[in-house]
Amino acid sequence: MAGGWSKDGDVQQQIDDSVRDELERARRSLPRGESAHYCHECDEPIPEARRQAVPGVRLCLACQAERDRRQGPAGGFNRRGSKDSQLR
């Protein structure tokens, strides 16, 4: 890699790695096991349709939406990084 140039395919490999990491993070956060009948946050009943659609669900839709909002988007990092971003 003379002159700091990346080889063909390196950028795509970085993209693939980032996508794979994010998918793994999302899979780890999925609920497992039997679904709860009542929300663990507000104690409201969890509708049967939600319990069937999301195995292992523990929160009602409103509480899950609030939790997702608080957590915000998954943070990642730029595997490649530009010189400008590295100098800041």
PDB file of N, CA and C in Angstrom:
ATOM      1  N   MET A   1       0.827  -1.175   0.000  1.00  0.00           N
ATOM      2  CA  MET A   1       0.000   0.000   0.000  1.00  0.00           C
ATOM      3  C   MET A   1       0.873   1.241   0.000  1.00  0.00           C
ATOM      4  N   ALA A   2       1.483   1.515  -1.074  1.00  0.00           N
ATOM      5  CA  ALA A   2       2.360   2.674  -1.189  1.00  0.00           C
ATOM      6  C   ALA A   2       1.547   3.959  -1.163  1.00  0.00           C
ATOM      7  N   GLY A   3       2.054   4.962  -0.510  1.00  0.00           N
ATOM      8  CA  GLY A   3       1.414   6.264  -0.494  1.00  0.00           C
ATOM      9  C   GLY A   3       0.136   6.322   0.330  1.00  0.00           C
ATOM     10  N   GLY A   4      -0.176   5.287   1.122  1.00  0.00           N
ATOM     11  CA  GLY A   4      -1.357   5.320   1.964  1.00  0.00           C
ATOM     12  C   GLY A   4      -2.647   4.982   1.243  1.00  0.00           C
ATOM     13  N   TRP A   5      -2.563   4.565  -0.007  1.00  0.00           N
ATOM     14  CA  TRP A   5      -3.765   4.212  -0.751  1.00  0.00           C
ATOM     15  C   TRP A   5      -4.226   2.824  -0.355  1.00  0.00           C
ATOM     16  N   SER A   6      -5.538   2.639  -0.262  1.00  0.00           N
ATOM     17  CA  SER A   6      -6.067   1.324   0.102  1.00  0.00           C
ATOM     18  C   SER A   6      -6.188   0.454  -1.139  1.00  0.00           C
ATOM     19  N   LYS A   7      -6.139  -0.838  -0.904  1.00  0.00           N
ATOM     20  CA  LYS A   7      -6.281  -1.795  -1.991  1.00  0.00           C
ATOM     21  C   LYS A   7      -7.735  -1.845  -2.433  1.00  0.00           C
ATOM     22  N   ASP A   8      -7.955  -2.327  -3.662  1.00  0.00           N
ATOM     23  CA  ASP A   8      -9.314  -2.522  -4.153  1.00  0.00           C
ATOM     24  C   ASP A   8     -10.062  -3.435  -3.199  1.00  0.00           C
ATOM     25  N   GLY A   9     -11.290  -3.098  -2.885  1.00  0.00           N
ATOM     26  CA  GLY A   9     -12.113  -3.927  -2.020  1.00  0.00           C
ATOM     27  C   GLY A   9     -12.021  -3.585  -0.547  1.00  0.00           C
ATOM     28  N   ASP A  10     -11.016  -2.812  -0.141  1.00  0.00           N
ATOM     29  CA  ASP A  10     -10.873  -2.470   1.281  1.00  0.00           C
ATOM     30  C   ASP A  10     -12.061  -1.659   1.795  1.00  0.00           C
ATOM     31  N   VAL A  11     -12.521  -0.715   1.002  1.00  0.00           N
ATOM     32  CA  VAL A  11     -13.640   0.122   1.425  1.00  0.00           C
ATOM     33  C   VAL A  11     -14.886  -0.741   1.568  1.00  0.00           C
ATOM     34  N   GLN A  12     -15.137  -1.614   0.590  1.00  0.00           N
ATOM     35  CA  GLN A  12     -16.306  -2.483   0.678  1.00  0.00           C
ATOM     36  C   GLN A  12     -16.199  -3.409   1.883  1.00  0.00           C
ATOM     37  N   GLN A  13     -15.014  -3.896   2.180  1.00  0.00           N
ATOM     38  CA  GLN A  13     -14.825  -4.758   3.352  1.00  0.00           C
ATOM     39  C   GLN A  13     -15.148  -4.005   4.631  1.00  0.00           C
ATOM     40  N   GLN A  14     -14.766  -2.734   4.696  1.00  0.00           N
ATOM     41  CA  GLN A  14     -15.074  -1.920   5.866  1.00  0.00           C
ATOM     42  C   GLN A  14     -16.577  -1.727   6.015  1.00  0.00           C
ATOM     43  N   ILE A  15     -17.257  -1.502   4.895  1.00  0.00           N
ATOM     44  CA  ILE A  15     -18.713  -1.347   4.918  1.00  0.00           C
ATOM     45  C   ILE A  15     -19.351  -2.645   5.382  1.00  0.00           C
ATOM     46  N   ASP A  16     -18.926  -3.770   4.811  1.00  0.00           N
ATOM     47  CA  ASP A  16     -19.475  -5.076   5.194  1.00  0.00           C
ATOM     48  C   ASP A  16     -19.254  -5.353   6.675  1.00  0.00           C
ATOM     49  N   ASP A  17     -18.085  -5.032   7.182  1.00  0.00           N
ATOM     50  CA  ASP A  17     -17.788  -5.237   8.607  1.00  0.00           C
ATOM     51  C   ASP A  17     -18.693  -4.381   9.485  1.00  0.00           C
ATOM     52  N   SER A  18     -18.921  -3.141   9.092  1.00  0.00           N
ATOM     53  CA  SER A  18     -19.785  -2.248   9.863  1.00  0.00           C
ATOM     54  C   SER A  18     -21.216  -2.767   9.888  1.00  0.00           C
ATOM     55  N   VAL A  19     -21.704  -3.212   8.746  1.00  0.00           N
ATOM     56  CA  VAL A  19     -23.062  -3.756   8.675  1.00  0.00           C
ATOM     57  C   VAL A  19     -23.173  -5.015   9.522  1.00  0.00           C
ATOM     58  N   ARG A  20     -22.195  -5.885   9.423  1.00  0.00           N
ATOM     59  CA  ARG A  20     -22.192  -7.131  10.200  1.00  0.00           C
ATOM     60  C   ARG A  20     -22.180  -6.835  11.706  1.00  0.00           C
ATOM     61  N   ASP A  21     -21.370  -5.877  12.129  1.00  0.00           N
ATOM     62  CA  ASP A  21     -21.314  -5.497  13.553  1.00  0.00           C
ATOM     63  C   ASP A  21     -22.661  -4.964  14.033  1.00  0.00           C
ATOM     64  N   GLU A  22     -23.296  -4.124  13.225  1.00  0.00           N
ATOM     65  CA  GLU A  22     -24.578  -3.548  13.614  1.00  0.00           C
ATOM     66  C   GLU A  22     -25.660  -4.621  13.674  1.00  0.00           C
ATOM     67  N   LEU A  23     -25.662  -5.556  12.741  1.00  0.00           N
ATOM     68  CA  LEU A  23     -26.630  -6.655  12.781  1.00  0.00           C
ATOM     69  C   LEU A  23     -26.441  -7.506  14.033  1.00  0.00           C
ATOM     70  N   GLU A  24     -25.217  -7.782  14.387  1.00  0.00           N
ATOM     71  CA  GLU A  24     -24.938  -8.569  15.589  1.00  0.00           C
ATOM     72  C   GLU A  24     -25.406  -7.833  16.842  1.00  0.00           C
ATOM     73  N   ARG A  25     -25.172  -6.518  16.903  1.00  0.00           N
ATOM     74  CA  ARG A  25     -25.630  -5.722  18.034  1.00  0.00           C
ATOM     75  C   ARG A  25     -27.149  -5.774  18.135  1.00  0.00           C
ATOM     76  N   ALA A  26     -27.834  -5.646  17.004  1.00  0.00           N
ATOM     77  CA  ALA A  26     -29.296  -5.683  16.993  1.00  0.00           C
ATOM     78  C   ALA A  26     -29.805  -7.061  17.420  1.00  0.00           C
ATOM     79  N   ARG A  27     -29.181  -8.114  16.947  1.00  0.00           N
ATOM     80  CA  ARG A  27     -29.606  -9.465  17.313  1.00  0.00           C
ATOM     81  C   ARG A  27     -29.443  -9.713  18.814  1.00  0.00           C
ATOM     82  N   ARG A  28     -28.368  -9.203  19.396  1.00  0.00           N
ATOM     83  CA  ARG A  28     -28.147  -9.389  20.838  1.00  0.00           C
ATOM     84  C   ARG A  28     -29.202  -8.680  21.671  1.00  0.00           C
ATOM     85  N   SER A  29     -29.775  -7.614  21.136  1.00  0.00           N
ATOM     86  CA  SER A  29     -30.747  -6.845  21.907  1.00  0.00           C
ATOM     87  C   SER A  29     -32.173  -7.376  21.754  1.00  0.00           C
ATOM     88  N   LEU A  30     -32.391  -8.357  20.880  1.00  0.00           N
ATOM     89  CA  LEU A  30     -33.733  -8.909  20.708  1.00  0.00           C
ATOM     90  C   LEU A  30     -34.156  -9.691  21.944  1.00  0.00           C
ATOM     91  N   PRO A  31     -35.437  -9.547  22.325  1.00  0.00           N
ATOM     92  CA  PRO A  31     -35.915 -10.322  23.471  1.00  0.00           C
ATOM     93  C   PRO A  31     -35.965 -11.812  23.144  1.00  0.00           C
ATOM     94  N   ARG A  32     -35.890 -12.629  24.184  1.00  0.00           N
ATOM     95  CA  ARG A  32     -35.936 -14.083  24.012  1.00  0.00           C
ATOM     96  C   ARG A  32     -36.887 -14.671  25.040  1.00  0.00           C
ATOM     97  N   GLY A  33     -37.337 -15.891  24.792  1.00  0.00           N
ATOM     98  CA  GLY A  33     -38.172 -16.585  25.749  1.00  0.00           C
ATOM     99  C   GLY A  33     -39.646 -16.265  25.581  1.00  0.00           C
ATOM    100  N   GLU A  34     -40.388 -16.558  26.618  1.00  0.00           N
ATOM    101  CA  GLU A  34     -41.832 -16.336  26.594  1.00  0.00           C
ATOM    102  C   GLU A  34     -42.142 -14.853  26.774  1.00  0.00           C
ATOM    103  N   SER A  35     -43.107 -14.380  26.027  1.00  0.00           N
ATOM    104  CA  SER A  35     -43.512 -12.980  26.127  1.00  0.00           C
ATOM    105  C   SER A  35     -44.244 -12.721  27.441  1.00  0.00           C
ATOM    106  N   ALA A  36     -44.052 -11.526  27.958  1.00  0.00           N
ATOM    107  CA  ALA A  36     -44.752 -11.113  29.175  1.00  0.00           C
ATOM    108  C   ALA A  36     -46.203 -10.772  28.837  1.00  0.00           C
ATOM    109  N   HIS A  37     -47.091 -10.952  29.786  1.00  0.00           N
ATOM    110  CA  HIS A  37     -48.490 -10.583  29.604  1.00  0.00           C
ATOM    111  C   HIS A  37     -48.721  -9.112  29.960  1.00  0.00           C
ATOM    112  N   TYR A  38     -47.867  -8.583  30.837  1.00  0.00           N
ATOM    113  CA  TYR A  38     -47.982  -7.189  31.263  1.00  0.00           C
ATOM    114  C   TYR A  38     -46.634  -6.500  31.095  1.00  0.00           C
ATOM    115  N   CYS A  39     -46.689  -5.231  30.713  1.00  0.00           N
ATOM    116  CA  CYS A  39     -45.487  -4.425  30.483  1.00  0.00           C
ATOM    117  C   CYS A  39     -44.666  -4.323  31.770  1.00  0.00           C
ATOM    118  N   HIS A  40     -43.378  -4.524  31.666  1.00  0.00           N
ATOM    119  CA  HIS A  40     -42.481  -4.425  32.823  1.00  0.00           C
ATOM    120  C   HIS A  40     -42.257  -2.986  33.275  1.00  0.00           C
ATOM    121  N   GLU A  41     -42.647  -2.009  32.436  1.00  0.00           N
ATOM    122  CA  GLU A  41     -42.472  -0.596  32.803  1.00  0.00           C
ATOM    123  C   GLU A  41     -43.741  -0.002  33.411  1.00  0.00           C
ATOM    124  N   CYS A  42     -44.889  -0.169  32.721  1.00  0.00           N
ATOM    125  CA  CYS A  42     -46.115   0.510  33.142  1.00  0.00           C
ATOM    126  C   CYS A  42     -47.197  -0.435  33.648  1.00  0.00           C
ATOM    127  N   ASP A  43     -46.958  -1.726  33.562  1.00  0.00           N
ATOM    128  CA  ASP A  43     -47.870  -2.757  34.042  1.00  0.00           C
ATOM    129  C   ASP A  43     -49.185  -2.853  33.257  1.00  0.00           C
ATOM    130  N   GLU A  44     -49.227  -2.220  32.076  1.00  0.00           N
ATOM    131  CA  GLU A  44     -50.400  -2.341  31.200  1.00  0.00           C
ATOM    132  C   GLU A  44     -50.322  -3.685  30.470  1.00  0.00           C
ATOM    133  N   PRO A  45     -51.477  -4.262  30.109  1.00  0.00           N
ATOM    134  CA  PRO A  45     -51.459  -5.525  29.361  1.00  0.00           C
ATOM    135  C   PRO A  45     -50.786  -5.353  28.000  1.00  0.00           C
ATOM    136  N   ILE A  46     -50.028  -6.333  27.609  1.00  0.00           N
ATOM    137  CA  ILE A  46     -49.411  -6.344  26.279  1.00  0.00           C
ATOM    138  C   ILE A  46     -50.368  -7.095  25.361  1.00  0.00           C
ATOM    139  N   PRO A  47     -50.828  -6.456  24.267  1.00  0.00           N
ATOM    140  CA  PRO A  47     -51.780  -7.111  23.372  1.00  0.00           C
ATOM    141  C   PRO A  47     -51.237  -8.439  22.825  1.00  0.00           C
ATOM    142  N   GLU A  48     -52.144  -9.398  22.687  1.00  0.00           N
ATOM    143  CA  GLU A  48     -51.765 -10.723  22.194  1.00  0.00           C
ATOM    144  C   GLU A  48     -51.066 -10.644  20.838  1.00  0.00           C
ATOM    145  N   ALA A  49     -51.519  -9.748  19.967  1.00  0.00           N
ATOM    146  CA  ALA A  49     -50.885  -9.616  18.643  1.00  0.00           C
ATOM    147  C   ALA A  49     -49.406  -9.242  18.788  1.00  0.00           C
ATOM    148  N   ARG A  50     -49.091  -8.343  19.718  1.00  0.00           N
ATOM    149  CA  ARG A  50     -47.689  -7.950  19.946  1.00  0.00           C
ATOM    150  C   ARG A  50     -46.912  -9.111  20.545  1.00  0.00           C
ATOM    151  N   ARG A  51     -47.538  -9.828  21.467  1.00  0.00           N
ATOM    152  CA  ARG A  51     -46.869 -10.963  22.102  1.00  0.00           C
ATOM    153  C   ARG A  51     -46.527 -12.037  21.071  1.00  0.00           C
ATOM    154  N   GLN A  52     -47.390 -12.203  20.084  1.00  0.00           N
ATOM    155  CA  GLN A  52     -47.132 -13.192  19.033  1.00  0.00           C
ATOM    156  C   GLN A  52     -46.092 -12.692  18.037  1.00  0.00           C
ATOM    157  N   ALA A  53     -46.150 -11.406  17.722  1.00  0.00           N
ATOM    158  CA  ALA A  53     -45.248 -10.831  16.719  1.00  0.00           C
ATOM    159  C   ALA A  53     -43.811 -10.706  17.215  1.00  0.00           C
ATOM    160  N   VAL A  54     -43.639 -10.477  18.530  1.00  0.00           N
ATOM    161  CA  VAL A  54     -42.311 -10.250  19.100  1.00  0.00           C
ATOM    162  C   VAL A  54     -42.100 -11.242  20.242  1.00  0.00           C
ATOM    163  N   PRO A  55     -41.641 -12.454  19.927  1.00  0.00           N
ATOM    164  CA  PRO A  55     -41.416 -13.435  20.999  1.00  0.00           C
ATOM    165  C   PRO A  55     -40.459 -12.884  22.059  1.00  0.00           C
ATOM    166  N   GLY A  56     -40.820 -13.051  23.307  1.00  0.00           N
ATOM    167  CA  GLY A  56     -39.979 -12.576  24.400  1.00  0.00           C
ATOM    168  C   GLY A  56     -40.185 -11.121  24.760  1.00  0.00           C
ATOM    169  N   VAL A  57     -41.193 -10.479  24.177  1.00  0.00           N
ATOM    170  CA  VAL A  57     -41.422  -9.060  24.420  1.00  0.00           C
ATOM    171  C   VAL A  57     -41.700  -8.816  25.906  1.00  0.00           C
ATOM    172  N   ARG A  58     -41.184  -7.717  26.435  1.00  0.00           N
ATOM    173  CA  ARG A  58     -41.342  -7.367  27.848  1.00  0.00           C
ATOM    174  C   ARG A  58     -42.014  -6.011  28.043  1.00  0.00           C
ATOM    175  N   LEU A  59     -42.094  -5.219  26.979  1.00  0.00           N
ATOM    176  CA  LEU A  59     -42.646  -3.867  27.086  1.00  0.00           C
ATOM    177  C   LEU A  59     -43.811  -3.674  26.121  1.00  0.00           C
ATOM    178  N   CYS A  60     -44.774  -2.836  26.518  1.00  0.00           N
ATOM    179  CA  CYS A  60     -45.847  -2.460  25.601  1.00  0.00           C
ATOM    180  C   CYS A  60     -45.248  -1.561  24.513  1.00  0.00           C
ATOM    181  N   LEU A  61     -46.006  -1.304  23.495  1.00  0.00           N
ATOM    182  CA  LEU A  61     -45.506  -0.521  22.367  1.00  0.00           C
ATOM    183  C   LEU A  61     -45.097   0.892  22.787  1.00  0.00           C
ATOM    184  N   ALA A  62     -45.906   1.533  23.636  1.00  0.00           N
ATOM    185  CA  ALA A  62     -45.590   2.901  24.066  1.00  0.00           C
ATOM    186  C   ALA A  62     -44.289   2.950  24.864  1.00  0.00           C
ATOM    187  N   CYS A  63     -44.097   2.014  25.787  1.00  0.00           N
ATOM    188  CA  CYS A  63     -42.873   2.001  26.597  1.00  0.00           C
ATOM    189  C   CYS A  63     -41.654   1.629  25.747  1.00  0.00           C
ATOM    190  N   GLN A  64     -41.830   0.728  24.791  1.00  0.00           N
ATOM    191  CA  GLN A  64     -40.715   0.370  23.909  1.00  0.00           C
ATOM    192  C   GLN A  64     -40.312   1.558  23.045  1.00  0.00           C
ATOM    193  N   ALA A  65     -41.313   2.292  22.540  1.00  0.00           N
ATOM    194  CA  ALA A  65     -41.024   3.480  21.724  1.00  0.00           C
ATOM    195  C   ALA A  65     -40.260   4.521  22.540  1.00  0.00           C
ATOM    196  N   GLU A  66     -40.656   4.710  23.794  1.00  0.00           N
ATOM    197  CA  GLU A  66     -39.961   5.675  24.664  1.00  0.00           C
ATOM    198  C   GLU A  66     -38.532   5.219  24.943  1.00  0.00           C
ATOM    199  N   ARG A  67     -38.344   3.951  25.200  1.00  0.00           N
ATOM    200  CA  ARG A  67     -37.001   3.418  25.448  1.00  0.00           C
ATOM    201  C   ARG A  67     -36.118   3.599  24.202  1.00  0.00           C
ATOM    202  N   ASP A  68     -36.680   3.295  23.034  1.00  0.00           N
ATOM    203  CA  ASP A  68     -35.928   3.463  21.778  1.00  0.00           C
ATOM    204  C   ASP A  68     -35.557   4.926  21.567  1.00  0.00           C
ATOM    205  N   ARG A  69     -36.481   5.832  21.878  1.00  0.00           N
ATOM    206  CA  ARG A  69     -36.207   7.262  21.713  1.00  0.00           C
ATOM    207  C   ARG A  69     -35.074   7.704  22.630  1.00  0.00           C
ATOM    208  N   ARG A  70     -35.099   7.235  23.890  1.00  0.00           N
ATOM    209  CA  ARG A  70     -34.042   7.600  24.849  1.00  0.00           C
ATOM    210  C   ARG A  70     -32.680   7.063  24.433  1.00  0.00           C
ATOM    211  N   GLN A  71     -32.664   5.858  23.897  1.00  0.00           N
ATOM    212  CA  GLN A  71     -31.391   5.253  23.505  1.00  0.00           C
ATOM    213  C   GLN A  71     -30.823   5.897  22.262  1.00  0.00           C
ATOM    214  N   GLY A  72     -31.685   6.429  21.404  1.00  0.00           N
ATOM    215  CA  GLY A  72     -31.235   7.081  20.194  1.00  0.00           C
ATOM    216  C   GLY A  72     -30.651   6.083  19.215  1.00  0.00           C
ATOM    217  N   PRO A  73     -30.163   6.581  18.104  1.00  0.00           N
ATOM    218  CA  PRO A  73     -29.603   5.678  17.103  1.00  0.00           C
ATOM    219  C   PRO A  73     -28.338   5.008  17.617  1.00  0.00           C
ATOM    220  N   ALA A  74     -28.105   3.831  17.112  1.00  0.00           N
ATOM    221  CA  ALA A  74     -26.897   3.099  17.505  1.00  0.00           C
ATOM    222  C   ALA A  74     -25.682   3.882  17.036  1.00  0.00           C
ATOM    223  N   GLY A  75     -24.788   4.115  17.941  1.00  0.00           N
ATOM    224  CA  GLY A  75     -23.573   4.826  17.582  1.00  0.00           C
ATOM    225  C   GLY A  75     -22.584   3.869  16.947  1.00  0.00           C
ATOM    226  N   GLY A  76     -21.958   4.337  15.986  1.00  0.00           N
ATOM    227  CA  GLY A  76     -20.943   3.532  15.337  1.00  0.00           C
ATOM    228  C   GLY A  76     -19.678   4.338  15.256  1.00  0.00           C
ATOM    229  N   PHE A  77     -18.776   3.840  14.531  1.00  0.00           N
ATOM    230  CA  PHE A  77     -17.576   4.614  14.308  1.00  0.00           C
ATOM    231  C   PHE A  77     -17.146   4.415  12.880  1.00  0.00           C
ATOM    232  N   ASN A  78     -16.455   5.373  12.386  1.00  0.00           N
ATOM    233  CA  ASN A  78     -15.974   5.341  11.017  1.00  0.00           C
ATOM    234  C   ASN A  78     -14.709   4.500  10.997  1.00  0.00           C
ATOM    235  N   ARG A  79     -14.819   3.287  10.470  1.00  0.00           N
ATOM    236  CA  ARG A  79     -13.665   2.393  10.458  1.00  0.00           C
ATOM    237  C   ARG A  79     -12.516   2.975   9.648  1.00  0.00           C
ATOM    238  N   ARG A  80     -12.862   3.663   8.601  1.00  0.00           N
ATOM    239  CA  ARG A  80     -11.831   4.158   7.701  1.00  0.00           C
ATOM    240  C   ARG A  80     -11.278   5.483   8.209  1.00  0.00           C
ATOM    241  N   GLY A  81     -12.187   6.409   8.445  1.00  0.00           N
ATOM    242  CA  GLY A  81     -11.770   7.727   8.912  1.00  0.00           C
ATOM    243  C   GLY A  81     -10.976   8.476   7.855  1.00  0.00           C
ATOM    244  N   SER A  82     -11.230   9.730   7.721  1.00  0.00           N
ATOM    245  CA  SER A  82     -10.447  10.534   6.798  1.00  0.00           C
ATOM    246  C   SER A  82      -9.330  11.212   7.580  1.00  0.00           C
ATOM    247  N   LYS A  83      -8.338  11.695   6.861  1.00  0.00           N
ATOM    248  CA  LYS A  83      -7.255  12.406   7.546  1.00  0.00           C
ATOM    249  C   LYS A  83      -7.818  13.595   8.310  1.00  0.00           C
ATOM    250  N   ASP A  84      -8.801  14.308   7.690  1.00  0.00           N
ATOM    251  CA  ASP A  84      -9.363  15.466   8.352  1.00  0.00           C
ATOM    252  C   ASP A  84      -9.987  15.079   9.681  1.00  0.00           C
ATOM    253  N   SER A  85     -10.757  13.970   9.716  1.00  0.00           N
ATOM    254  CA  SER A  85     -11.412  13.596  10.959  1.00  0.00           C
ATOM    255  C   SER A  85     -10.410  13.121  11.986  1.00  0.00           C
ATOM    256  N   GLN A  86      -9.285  12.586  11.560  1.00  0.00           N
ATOM    257  CA  GLN A  86      -8.274  12.112  12.497  1.00  0.00           C
ATOM    258  C   GLN A  86      -7.466  13.271  13.088  1.00  0.00           C
ATOM    259  N   LEU A  87      -7.449  14.390  12.394  1.00  0.00           N
ATOM    260  CA  LEU A  87      -6.674  15.532  12.863  1.00  0.00           C
ATOM    261  C   LEU A  87      -7.466  16.409  13.811  1.00  0.00           C
ATOM    262  N   ARG A  88      -8.769  16.213  13.903  1.00  0.00           N
ATOM    263  CA  ARG A  88      -9.619  17.056  14.762  1.00  0.00           C
ATOM    264  C   ARG A  88      -9.531  16.663  16.193  1.00  0.00           C
TER     265      ARG A  88
END
